[in-house]
Every structure is written in C-alpha cells, then in structure tokens.
Protein backbone atom coordinates (compact mmCIF):
# COMPACT_ATOMS: atom_id res chain seq x y z
CA MET A 1 -44.64 115.15 -20.34
CA GLY A 2 -47.25 112.87 -21.34
CA ARG A 3 -50.59 113.55 -22.32
CA PRO A 4 -52.69 113.31 -19.33
CA ILE A 5 -54.92 110.17 -19.13
CA GLU A 6 -58.90 110.40 -19.38
CA PHE A 7 -61.05 108.91 -17.36
CA ASP A 8 -64.75 108.68 -16.33
CA ARG A 9 -64.31 110.22 -12.71
CA ASN A 10 -68.08 109.35 -12.00
CA GLU A 11 -66.98 105.75 -12.65
CA VAL A 12 -63.59 105.85 -10.93
CA LEU A 13 -65.58 107.39 -8.05
CA GLU A 14 -68.37 104.73 -7.74
CA GLN A 15 -65.99 101.66 -8.48
CA ALA A 16 -63.44 103.07 -5.67
CA LEU A 17 -66.66 103.43 -3.07
CA GLN A 18 -67.89 100.22 -4.15
CA LEU A 19 -64.18 99.02 -2.93
CA PHE A 20 -63.98 100.91 -0.08
CA TRP A 21 -67.13 99.96 1.25
CA ASN A 22 -66.73 96.33 0.76
CA THR A 23 -63.54 96.40 2.38
CA GLY A 24 -62.96 99.03 4.80
CA TYR A 25 -60.16 101.96 4.46
CA SER A 26 -57.40 100.23 6.04
CA ALA A 27 -57.92 97.16 4.15
CA THR A 28 -58.13 98.78 0.64
CA SER A 29 -54.38 99.04 -0.89
CA VAL A 30 -53.67 101.23 -3.78
CA ALA A 31 -52.96 98.26 -5.66
CA ASN A 32 -56.69 96.90 -4.72
CA LEU A 33 -57.71 100.77 -6.03
CA VAL A 34 -55.76 100.35 -9.04
CA GLU A 35 -57.13 97.00 -10.07
CA ALA A 36 -61.23 98.04 -9.36
CA THR A 37 -60.23 101.51 -11.50
CA LYS A 38 -58.25 100.43 -14.15
CA LEU A 39 -55.88 103.66 -13.61
CA LYS A 40 -52.40 103.67 -13.06
CA PRO A 41 -51.10 104.75 -9.65
CA GLY A 42 -49.92 107.61 -11.10
CA SER A 43 -53.20 108.92 -12.92
CA LEU A 44 -55.42 107.85 -9.22
CA TYR A 45 -52.78 110.41 -7.48
CA ALA A 46 -52.75 113.31 -10.07
CA ALA A 47 -56.18 113.24 -9.76
CA PHE A 48 -57.36 112.82 -6.19
CA LYS A 49 -53.64 113.16 -4.49
CA SER A 50 -53.61 110.21 -2.21
CA LYS A 51 -55.41 107.43 -1.15
CA ARG A 52 -57.16 109.34 1.48
CA GLY A 53 -57.97 111.99 -1.03
CA LEU A 54 -60.01 109.52 -3.16
CA PHE A 55 -61.69 108.30 0.05
CA ILE A 56 -63.17 111.54 0.73
CA ALA A 57 -63.85 112.23 -2.86
CA THR A 58 -66.18 108.55 -2.41
CA LEU A 59 -67.47 109.67 0.97
CA ASP A 60 -68.44 113.10 -0.62
CA ARG A 61 -70.11 110.88 -3.18
CA TYR A 62 -71.79 108.20 -1.05
CA ALA A 63 -73.15 111.28 1.40
CA ASP A 64 -74.33 113.38 -1.50
CA ARG A 65 -76.72 110.12 -2.65
CA CYS A 66 -78.21 109.58 0.63
CA ILE A 67 -78.60 113.34 1.11
CA SER A 68 -80.71 113.43 -2.27
CA GLU A 69 -82.63 110.22 -1.33
CA LEU A 70 -83.51 111.67 2.09
CA GLN A 71 -84.75 114.89 0.11
CA ARG A 72 -86.58 112.90 -2.41
CA CYS A 73 -88.54 111.04 -0.15
CA LEU A 74 -89.16 114.25 1.80
CA SER A 75 -90.95 116.01 -1.07
CA ALA A 76 -92.90 113.49 -2.14
CA ASP A 77 -96.67 114.20 -2.68
CA GLN A 78 -98.01 113.46 0.68
CA SER A 79 -98.58 115.10 4.30
CA PRO A 80 -95.64 115.53 5.96
CA LEU A 81 -95.51 112.73 8.27
CA ASN A 82 -96.15 110.12 5.76
CA THR A 83 -93.23 111.40 3.51
CA ILE A 84 -90.77 110.36 6.75
CA ARG A 85 -92.64 107.21 6.93
CA TYR A 86 -92.07 106.84 3.27
CA TYR A 87 -88.41 107.39 3.55
CA PHE A 88 -87.91 104.66 5.93
CA SER A 89 -90.09 102.33 3.83
CA GLN A 90 -87.63 103.03 1.03
CA LEU A 91 -84.91 102.73 3.36
CA ILE A 92 -85.89 99.31 4.36
CA LEU A 93 -86.10 98.29 0.99
CA LYS A 94 -82.44 99.29 0.17
CA ILE A 95 -81.15 97.35 3.27
CA VAL A 96 -82.89 94.23 2.64
CA GLU A 97 -81.99 94.33 -1.20
CA ASP A 98 -78.25 94.77 -0.24
CA GLU A 99 -77.01 91.22 -0.73
CA GLU A 100 -73.38 91.75 0.50
CA SER A 101 -74.80 93.80 3.97
CA LYS A 102 -72.79 96.18 3.68
CA GLY A 103 -74.15 98.44 6.27
CA CYS A 104 -74.03 102.27 5.88
CA PHE A 105 -70.82 103.81 4.43
CA LEU A 106 -71.13 106.80 6.58
CA ILE A 107 -71.36 104.88 9.79
CA ASN A 108 -68.70 102.54 8.90
CA THR A 109 -66.27 105.24 8.11
CA MET A 110 -67.38 107.03 11.56
CA LEU A 111 -66.48 103.69 13.33
CA GLU A 112 -63.07 102.65 11.51
CA VAL A 113 -61.68 106.04 10.22
CA ALA A 114 -63.17 109.18 11.86
CA PRO A 115 -61.42 108.26 15.17
CA HIS A 116 -58.23 108.75 14.02
CA ASP A 117 -58.81 111.58 11.57
CA ASN A 118 -60.88 114.92 12.62
CA GLU A 119 -61.30 116.57 9.20
CA ILE A 120 -63.30 112.96 8.13
CA HIS A 121 -64.99 112.74 11.54
CA GLN A 122 -66.23 116.45 10.75
CA ARG A 123 -66.96 115.97 7.30
CA VAL A 124 -69.32 113.15 8.50
CA MET A 125 -71.09 115.06 11.14
CA ASP A 126 -71.74 117.80 9.13
CA TYR A 127 -73.84 115.59 6.55
CA PHE A 128 -75.22 113.87 9.39
CA ASN A 129 -76.56 117.45 10.94
CA ASP A 130 -77.78 118.21 7.45
CA MET A 131 -79.96 114.96 7.57
CA GLU A 132 -80.78 115.96 10.74
CA GLY A 133 -82.40 119.24 9.97
CA ARG A 134 -84.04 118.24 6.86
CA PHE A 135 -86.03 115.75 9.20
CA ALA A 136 -86.36 118.81 11.93
CA ASP A 137 -88.05 120.68 9.43
CA LYS A 138 -90.50 118.18 8.07
CA ILE A 139 -91.25 117.15 11.53
CA LYS A 140 -91.97 121.23 12.27
CA GLN A 141 -94.44 121.14 9.10
CA SER A 142 -96.07 117.65 10.74
CA GLN A 143 -96.77 119.48 14.05
CA THR A 144 -98.12 122.67 12.48
CA CYS A 145 -100.79 120.34 10.57
CA GLY A 146 -101.62 118.39 14.14
CA GLU A 147 -99.71 114.96 12.68
CA VAL A 148 -97.41 115.25 15.86
CA ALA A 149 -97.60 116.65 18.91
CA GLU A 150 -96.41 120.48 19.40
CA HIS A 151 -95.10 119.65 22.68
CA GLN A 152 -92.20 117.25 21.46
CA PRO A 153 -89.11 119.44 20.52
CA ALA A 154 -88.63 119.07 16.84
CA ASP A 155 -85.23 118.69 16.95
CA GLU A 156 -85.21 116.30 19.47
CA LEU A 157 -87.24 113.88 17.80
CA ALA A 158 -85.40 114.57 14.58
CA LYS A 159 -81.98 113.09 16.59
CA PHE A 160 -84.26 110.64 17.21
CA LEU A 161 -84.88 109.89 13.69
CA MET A 162 -81.54 109.67 12.96
CA THR A 163 -80.29 107.29 15.67
CA GLY A 164 -83.64 105.10 14.61
CA SER A 165 -82.19 105.26 10.92
CA TRP A 166 -78.58 104.20 12.23
CA GLY A 167 -79.73 101.22 14.12
CA LEU A 168 -82.03 99.95 11.13
CA ARG A 169 -78.88 100.06 8.93
CA ILE A 170 -76.81 98.36 11.40
CA MET A 171 -79.32 95.59 12.30
CA GLY A 172 -79.87 95.08 8.70
CA SER A 173 -76.08 94.50 8.72
CA THR A 174 -76.97 91.39 10.33
CA ARG A 175 -79.28 90.10 7.73
CA GLN A 176 -82.94 90.74 9.66
CA PRO A 177 -85.94 89.99 7.50
CA GLU A 178 -87.98 92.81 6.09
CA TRP A 179 -90.62 92.51 8.20
CA GLN A 180 -88.67 92.81 11.30
CA LEU A 181 -86.97 95.70 10.18
CA GLN A 182 -90.70 97.48 9.21
CA LYS A 183 -91.56 96.59 12.74
CA MET A 184 -89.00 98.43 14.42
CA ALA A 185 -89.34 101.53 12.25
CA ASP A 186 -92.80 101.82 13.14
CA HIS A 187 -92.02 101.06 16.72
CA MET A 188 -89.99 104.29 16.81
CA LEU A 189 -92.44 106.37 14.05
CA SER A 190 -95.04 105.73 16.95
CA VAL A 191 -93.19 107.94 18.98
CA LEU A 192 -94.08 111.12 16.90
CA THR A 193 -97.65 110.39 16.88
CA GLN A 194 -98.17 110.52 21.01
CA SER A 195 -101.05 112.56 22.08
CA ALA A 196 -99.89 116.41 22.28
CA ALA A 197 -102.40 116.03 25.29
CA LYS A 198 -100.49 117.43 28.14
CA PRO A 199 -101.26 115.78 32.21
CA THR A 200 -104.17 117.27 33.60
CA ILE A 201 -105.66 117.20 37.76
CA HIS A 202 -108.66 116.41 38.55
CA ASN A 203 -110.14 118.85 40.68
CA ASP A 204 -111.64 115.95 42.89
CA SER A 205 -108.56 114.37 43.40
CA PRO A 206 -105.81 117.01 44.13
CA GLY A 207 -101.93 116.27 43.43
CA ILE A 208 -103.18 113.14 41.14
CA MET A 209 -102.60 113.04 37.35
CA SER A 210 -104.67 111.96 34.52
CA ILE A 211 -102.19 110.72 31.58
C-alpha cells in the first residue's frame, strides 16, 4: 500500500471553498476540485469521503469564520449597541471588497443545496441560529443599559438583524455602492433605538392615544 499523501488541510479546504463559492455545488466537478486543490481523486476521497463530504467541510470552515467575525465585533470595546453597528459596518466593507460579488456562501448553500439535502439544511440553520443567539444576547445587554427599548423582544430584534444581514449580502451581490448599503443598514438599525415609551391616554381626551 502506498504511503498516504500529506497535504495542508486548511489550504485544501480554502481552495475548495473558493471554488464551490464561485461556481456552486452542482456545477463543481471532482475534476475541478482536483485541479484547484492539486490533489489526486483518491486523496480527496480518502480525506473527505466524497464531493459532498468536502463541501460540508468547506461549509463548516466558512461558517466558523463568519461566527468568529461576528463575535469579534460584538466583543469590541464599545457600548453593546455600537458593537452591533460595528459589525454591520465591517460586513458592508467585506461586501464591497468582494470584486466577484459572490454573496454569502451560507445563503447560496441554503438556496442551491439545502432544499434537496436535509442534513445540510439543518447544518446551515444551526449556524444561523448560533449567530441569531449572539445578536439576541447583545441586544439584551443594550436593553439593560438603556440603548434599546425594552418593550421590543430581543429575540425578535435578533431575527430582524439576521434578515437585514442577509438582505445586505444579497443587495451587495447586485453591486450596490457602499453608501447605499450603509443607508440600508442605518435604516435597519434605527429600529433598535425607537422610543421605549408606550402609548398613553390623555385624561382630557378619553380613548385618544398619544404616540
């Protein structure tokens, strides 16, 4: 039996990730992967079992990177709300710096692969839920220090932020200018700071509420 070929797993995963990200899962052949990674088919199958196995490994790599970036921003030495603003400013920079306008690999996967693969669908949802939970935790901190209205449920606001981040990535793939993406983000984030004051009823005008 021949000696197993040694290779840099991180380098191979990055090369495969870029290929899947640019081309899509279905349009990427094993021959394409062999060319991109410089590994023979036998070595790829020995390490990742299948094209799908390699794809899942690249998906995990990308998702871990996204979560690490989110946590880095949310851990910045700023107020809780400003760390959320910081994350979206960094996201916009990454979007406009992507000259190929590839979009988000997780969203691309959800649209192309997940509808036909329950395991991959659940995997992507788990990553989305992880990120949403981190947003919710930070929003609760913002509510505690008075930056965000407490009458707005943190979990619902976190879902709103996740939806907004997807929208920014999709709009970015249409090559929107940075100022337009930032304007969209500003409008979205303004929802977090809406007044916590609830409607009140004037004594002299029964039934008429002041907003």
